[in-house]
Amino acid sequence: MATQSKKVRISARERRKFRIRKKVSGTDERPRLTVYRSTKHTHAQIISDVTGKTLATASTQDPEVMSLAASRSGEGAGAAKSAKSINAAWAVGVVIADRAKAVKVNSVVFDRNGFLYHGRIKALADGAREKGLDF
């Protein structure tokens, strides 16, 4: 009796992700800045694909990021309740750029991980560019 293989349905984001990752790769000189956006949080990592190591990371779960997001929105430090906001994503970009400078990374390749370049993803990229990180 032969078994029939199931057809696996791949989401549109995963198809875009595979298509992007075929072309984008990080080196030691220009590591890859990858972004992940969940329903509640935004995460960013700088990865060297040659050595397979994560050089820097930041997310909206860091207290430093949320206090920076609150100060940008003009509210107090305790008032930044939403990690889903564009201000929080911008703050992740600023913090990841600072941490990249600490490990002597000035230029990266941007991997949007299949997400559309809009909203939180664009805000994160803008925040990193404002701090001097080259894409």
Protein backbone atom coordinates (compact mmCIF):
# COMPACT_ATOMS: atom_id res chain seq x y z
CA MET A 1 0.00 0.00 0.00
CA ALA A 2 1.55 3.27 -1.09
CA THR A 3 1.15 6.26 1.09
CA GLN A 4 0.13 9.49 -0.50
CA SER A 5 2.16 12.49 0.55
CA LYS A 6 0.25 15.47 1.85
CA LYS A 7 0.58 18.74 0.05
CA VAL A 8 1.89 21.30 2.50
CA ARG A 9 0.45 24.77 2.28
CA ILE A 10 3.11 27.45 2.69
CA SER A 11 2.01 30.93 3.66
CA ALA A 12 2.66 33.89 1.40
CA ARG A 13 5.10 35.36 3.94
CA GLU A 14 7.13 32.14 4.01
CA ARG A 15 7.29 32.06 0.20
CA ARG A 16 8.56 35.64 0.18
CA LYS A 17 11.02 34.75 2.94
CA PHE A 18 12.52 31.87 0.94
CA ARG A 19 12.77 34.07 -2.14
CA ILE A 20 14.57 36.80 -0.20
CA ARG A 21 16.94 34.44 1.64
CA LYS A 22 18.14 32.96 -1.65
CA LYS A 23 19.65 36.36 -2.47
CA VAL A 24 20.48 37.91 0.92
CA SER A 25 23.41 36.63 2.92
CA GLY A 26 25.47 38.30 5.63
CA THR A 27 29.26 38.36 5.66
CA ASP A 28 31.70 39.41 8.35
CA GLU A 29 32.05 42.84 6.73
CA ARG A 30 28.29 43.27 6.12
CA PRO A 31 26.24 41.06 8.43
CA ARG A 32 22.52 40.51 7.98
CA LEU A 33 19.99 42.56 9.96
CA THR A 34 16.95 40.32 10.23
CA VAL A 35 13.59 41.46 11.56
CA TYR A 36 10.73 39.46 13.03
CA ARG A 37 7.35 40.94 13.82
CA SER A 38 4.93 38.99 16.00
CA THR A 39 1.49 40.13 17.00
CA LYS A 40 2.83 41.68 20.22
CA HIS A 41 6.54 42.38 19.74
CA THR A 42 9.21 43.31 17.20
CA HIS A 43 12.63 41.63 17.24
CA ALA A 44 15.85 42.41 15.36
CA GLN A 45 19.13 40.50 15.15
CA ILE A 46 22.43 41.15 13.42
CA ILE A 47 23.78 37.82 12.18
CA SER A 48 27.04 36.87 10.49
CA ASP A 49 26.12 33.97 8.18
CA VAL A 50 29.79 33.06 7.62
CA THR A 51 30.43 32.26 11.28
CA GLY A 52 26.80 31.54 12.15
CA LYS A 53 26.85 33.87 15.15
CA THR A 54 24.44 36.52 16.36
CA LEU A 55 26.40 39.73 16.90
CA ALA A 56 23.65 41.94 18.39
CA THR A 57 19.98 41.69 19.27
CA ALA A 58 17.17 43.99 20.38
CA SER A 59 13.44 43.66 20.86
CA THR A 60 10.48 45.47 22.32
CA GLN A 61 10.84 43.27 25.39
CA ASP A 62 13.97 45.21 26.40
CA PRO A 63 13.25 47.92 29.00
CA GLU A 64 15.73 50.24 27.23
CA VAL A 65 13.69 50.04 24.02
CA MET A 66 10.36 50.72 25.68
CA SER A 67 11.68 53.73 27.62
CA LEU A 68 13.09 55.16 24.37
CA ALA A 69 9.76 54.57 22.62
CA ALA A 70 7.91 56.34 25.44
CA SER A 71 10.23 59.34 25.29
CA ARG A 72 9.75 59.61 21.52
CA SER A 73 5.99 59.56 21.79
CA GLY A 74 6.12 62.38 24.35
CA GLU A 75 4.79 60.32 27.21
CA GLY A 76 6.39 59.33 30.49
CA ALA A 77 8.56 56.22 30.79
CA GLY A 78 5.71 54.23 32.32
CA ALA A 79 3.21 55.32 29.70
CA ALA A 80 4.58 53.25 26.81
CA LYS A 81 2.22 50.34 27.14
CA SER A 82 2.08 49.13 23.55
CA ALA A 83 5.01 47.20 22.14
CA LYS A 84 3.02 46.96 18.91
CA SER A 85 3.43 50.64 18.07
CA ILE A 86 5.52 52.15 15.31
CA ASN A 87 7.38 54.17 17.97
CA ALA A 88 8.44 50.93 19.66
CA ALA A 89 9.68 49.50 16.34
CA TRP A 90 11.61 52.72 15.68
CA ALA A 91 13.21 52.37 19.12
CA VAL A 92 14.25 48.79 18.32
CA GLY A 93 16.02 50.14 15.22
CA VAL A 94 17.84 52.80 17.24
CA VAL A 95 18.96 50.32 19.91
CA ILE A 96 20.09 47.68 17.40
CA ALA A 97 22.14 50.35 15.60
CA ASP A 98 23.80 51.36 18.89
CA ARG A 99 24.58 47.73 19.70
CA ALA A 100 25.93 47.19 16.18
CA LYS A 101 28.28 50.15 16.61
CA ALA A 102 29.46 48.59 19.89
CA VAL A 103 30.60 45.47 18.02
CA LYS A 104 32.11 47.63 15.22
CA VAL A 105 29.46 46.97 12.56
CA ASN A 106 28.67 50.00 10.40
CA SER A 107 27.00 48.43 7.36
CA VAL A 108 24.42 45.64 7.17
CA VAL A 109 22.24 43.80 4.67
CA PHE A 110 18.54 44.24 5.52
CA ASP A 111 16.50 41.03 5.67
CA ARG A 112 12.82 41.86 6.14
CA ASN A 113 12.08 38.14 6.66
CA GLY A 114 9.17 38.05 4.22
CA PHE A 115 7.31 40.93 5.84
CA LEU A 116 6.21 43.80 3.64
CA TYR A 117 8.35 46.93 3.92
CA HIS A 118 5.65 48.96 5.59
CA GLY A 119 4.62 50.05 9.07
CA ARG A 120 6.71 48.57 11.86
CA ILE A 121 9.34 47.08 9.51
CA LYS A 122 9.88 50.45 7.81
CA ALA A 123 9.98 52.25 11.17
CA LEU A 124 12.67 49.87 12.45
CA ALA A 125 14.77 50.45 9.32
CA ASP A 126 14.33 54.23 9.61
CA GLY A 127 15.42 54.18 13.26
CA ALA A 128 18.55 52.19 12.42
CA ARG A 129 19.39 54.54 9.54
CA GLU A 130 18.96 57.60 11.77
CA LYS A 131 21.63 56.24 14.11
CA GLY A 132 24.07 55.80 11.19
CA LEU A 133 23.69 52.16 10.23
CA ASP A 134 24.15 51.78 6.45
CA PHE A 135 21.95 49.42 4.42
